[in-house]
Amino acid sequence: MGSIFASMEISATALAAERLRMNLIAENLANAEVTHTPSGGPYRRKGVVLGAREASAFEGLLNAGATPGGVEVLKIVESQTLPNQVYNPSHPDADAKGYVAMPNINPVMEMVDLVSASRAYEANVSAIQIAKNMVTKTLEIGR
């Protein structure tokens, strides 16, 4: 029974990671036209770096041989690519030559990433549903 709950825990870590990924994509899309941020310059695209979750040493001592695994967010990174230069001399953030530094966010790529995150989220929800059904069927044996 414990391994079924471990699979639910693994899927739960993936749900949290995909939710964060979707939030960052939404933030990127919302700021696709922002030319002035508090730190200066245009908004920079953010992305998430995911890694495999290892059981901590304490978890390993408590559950010898039952490492839950899963996904963890290692860090959130900002894109270091140069901003797109768009000619718009009437813009308040235009330089002396009339160019405005715009965020280099491609809405099409963001939507592709969003669909990918959504599909991964749905797959993990399905895995949890299947594990839950297995637990329910196991409990019905005892009736």
Protein backbone atom coordinates (compact mmCIF):
# COMPACT_ATOMS: atom_id res chain seq x y z
CA MET A 1 0.00 0.00 0.00
CA GLY A 2 2.91 2.33 0.76
CA SER A 3 4.22 2.20 -2.80
CA ILE A 4 0.85 3.36 -4.12
CA PHE A 5 1.05 6.41 -1.89
CA ALA A 6 4.64 6.94 -3.06
CA SER A 7 3.41 7.05 -6.67
CA MET A 8 0.80 9.63 -5.62
CA GLU A 9 3.54 11.68 -3.94
CA ILE A 10 5.68 11.52 -7.08
CA SER A 11 2.76 12.73 -9.19
CA ALA A 12 2.02 15.46 -6.64
CA THR A 13 5.56 16.84 -6.97
CA ALA A 14 5.10 16.88 -10.75
CA LEU A 15 1.77 18.71 -10.40
CA ALA A 16 3.44 21.41 -8.30
CA ALA A 17 6.28 21.76 -10.80
CA GLU A 18 3.95 21.97 -13.80
CA ARG A 19 1.74 24.49 -12.00
CA LEU A 20 4.79 26.71 -11.41
CA ARG A 21 5.78 26.28 -15.06
CA MET A 22 2.29 27.35 -16.18
CA ASN A 23 2.40 30.36 -13.85
CA LEU A 24 5.72 31.49 -15.35
CA ILE A 25 4.37 31.09 -18.88
CA ALA A 26 1.33 33.19 -17.94
CA GLU A 27 3.67 35.82 -16.46
CA ASN A 28 5.74 35.82 -19.65
CA LEU A 29 2.65 36.29 -21.82
CA ALA A 30 1.30 39.03 -19.56
CA ASN A 31 4.59 40.95 -19.75
CA ALA A 32 5.25 40.47 -23.47
CA GLU A 33 4.92 44.22 -24.12
CA VAL A 34 6.54 45.58 -20.94
CA THR A 35 9.43 47.87 -21.84
CA HIS A 36 10.18 49.32 -18.43
CA THR A 37 10.68 47.23 -15.29
CA PRO A 38 11.72 48.33 -11.78
CA SER A 39 15.18 46.83 -12.40
CA GLY A 40 15.44 48.79 -15.66
CA GLY A 41 15.09 47.71 -19.25
CA PRO A 42 12.47 45.44 -20.76
CA TYR A 43 10.95 42.43 -19.08
CA ARG A 44 13.07 39.29 -19.39
CA ARG A 45 11.51 35.91 -20.11
CA LYS A 46 11.53 33.54 -17.16
CA GLY A 47 11.88 29.80 -17.31
CA VAL A 48 12.06 26.99 -14.82
CA VAL A 49 14.79 24.39 -14.41
CA LEU A 50 13.40 21.07 -13.18
CA GLY A 51 15.38 18.24 -11.68
CA ALA A 52 14.84 14.78 -10.30
CA ARG A 53 13.99 14.82 -6.62
CA GLU A 54 16.13 12.61 -4.48
CA ALA A 55 15.11 11.44 -1.05
CA SER A 56 16.82 13.42 1.67
CA ALA A 57 19.21 11.65 4.02
CA PHE A 58 16.58 11.84 6.76
CA GLU A 59 13.90 10.31 4.50
CA GLY A 60 16.36 7.62 3.52
CA LEU A 61 16.91 6.71 7.17
CA LEU A 62 13.19 6.60 7.88
CA ASN A 63 12.15 4.72 4.76
CA ALA A 64 15.03 2.48 3.88
CA GLY A 65 14.58 1.27 0.32
CA ALA A 66 11.49 3.41 -0.33
CA THR A 67 12.79 6.52 -2.04
CA PRO A 68 9.83 8.56 -3.23
CA GLY A 69 11.62 10.42 -6.02
CA GLY A 70 9.66 12.93 -8.05
CA VAL A 71 10.36 16.34 -9.51
CA GLU A 72 11.69 19.47 -7.89
CA VAL A 73 12.20 23.00 -9.10
CA LEU A 74 15.92 23.66 -9.08
CA LYS A 75 15.72 27.33 -10.00
CA ILE A 76 13.88 29.99 -11.94
CA VAL A 77 16.07 31.60 -14.59
CA GLU A 78 15.76 34.78 -16.60
CA SER A 79 16.63 34.76 -20.28
CA GLN A 80 19.94 36.46 -21.02
CA THR A 81 19.27 36.97 -24.72
CA LEU A 82 19.27 40.49 -26.06
CA PRO A 83 15.91 42.27 -26.29
CA ASN A 84 14.24 42.86 -29.63
CA GLN A 85 14.83 46.35 -31.02
CA VAL A 86 11.64 47.78 -32.52
CA TYR A 87 11.57 51.12 -34.32
CA ASN A 88 8.94 53.28 -32.64
CA PRO A 89 10.16 56.87 -32.15
CA SER A 90 6.90 57.94 -30.48
CA HIS A 91 7.31 55.44 -27.62
CA PRO A 92 8.35 57.01 -24.26
CA ASP A 93 11.14 54.43 -23.82
CA ALA A 94 12.60 54.97 -27.31
CA ASP A 95 16.31 55.74 -27.50
CA ALA A 96 17.85 58.63 -29.46
CA LYS A 97 17.58 56.65 -32.73
CA GLY A 98 13.90 55.82 -32.11
CA TYR A 99 14.34 52.16 -31.18
CA VAL A 100 12.58 50.57 -28.23
CA ALA A 101 13.98 47.51 -26.45
CA MET A 102 11.10 45.01 -26.29
CA PRO A 103 10.99 41.71 -24.41
CA ASN A 104 12.02 38.85 -26.68
CA ILE A 105 9.00 36.75 -25.84
CA ASN A 106 7.56 34.69 -28.67
CA PRO A 107 3.86 34.15 -27.90
CA VAL A 108 3.74 31.10 -30.19
CA MET A 109 6.57 29.38 -28.30
CA GLU A 110 4.96 30.31 -25.00
CA MET A 111 1.71 28.69 -26.12
CA VAL A 112 3.59 25.55 -27.18
CA ASP A 113 5.20 25.41 -23.73
CA LEU A 114 1.81 26.02 -22.13
CA VAL A 115 0.22 23.12 -24.00
CA SER A 116 3.17 20.91 -23.02
CA ALA A 117 2.82 21.87 -19.35
CA SER A 118 -0.93 21.34 -19.52
CA ARG A 119 -0.53 17.85 -21.00
CA ALA A 120 2.03 16.90 -18.36
CA TYR A 121 -0.31 18.19 -15.66
CA GLU A 122 -3.21 16.13 -17.07
CA ALA A 123 -1.03 13.01 -17.27
CA ASN A 124 -0.08 13.34 -13.60
CA VAL A 125 -3.70 13.91 -12.58
CA SER A 126 -4.57 10.71 -14.46
CA ALA A 127 -1.79 8.85 -12.64
CA ILE A 128 -3.18 10.01 -9.30
CA GLN A 129 -6.71 8.98 -10.32
CA ILE A 130 -5.49 5.52 -11.30
CA ALA A 131 -3.59 5.12 -8.01
CA LYS A 132 -6.70 6.28 -6.13
CA ASN A 133 -8.82 3.70 -7.98
CA MET A 134 -6.28 1.01 -7.07
CA VAL A 135 -6.52 1.95 -3.41
CA THR A 136 -10.32 1.91 -3.57
CA LYS A 137 -10.38 -1.51 -5.23
CA THR A 138 -7.90 -2.83 -2.67
CA LEU A 139 -10.11 -1.64 0.18
CA GLU A 140 -13.13 -3.33 -1.43
CA ILE A 141 -11.37 -6.70 -1.11
CA GLY A 142 -11.71 -6.48 2.66
CA ARG A 143 -15.52 -6.15 2.61
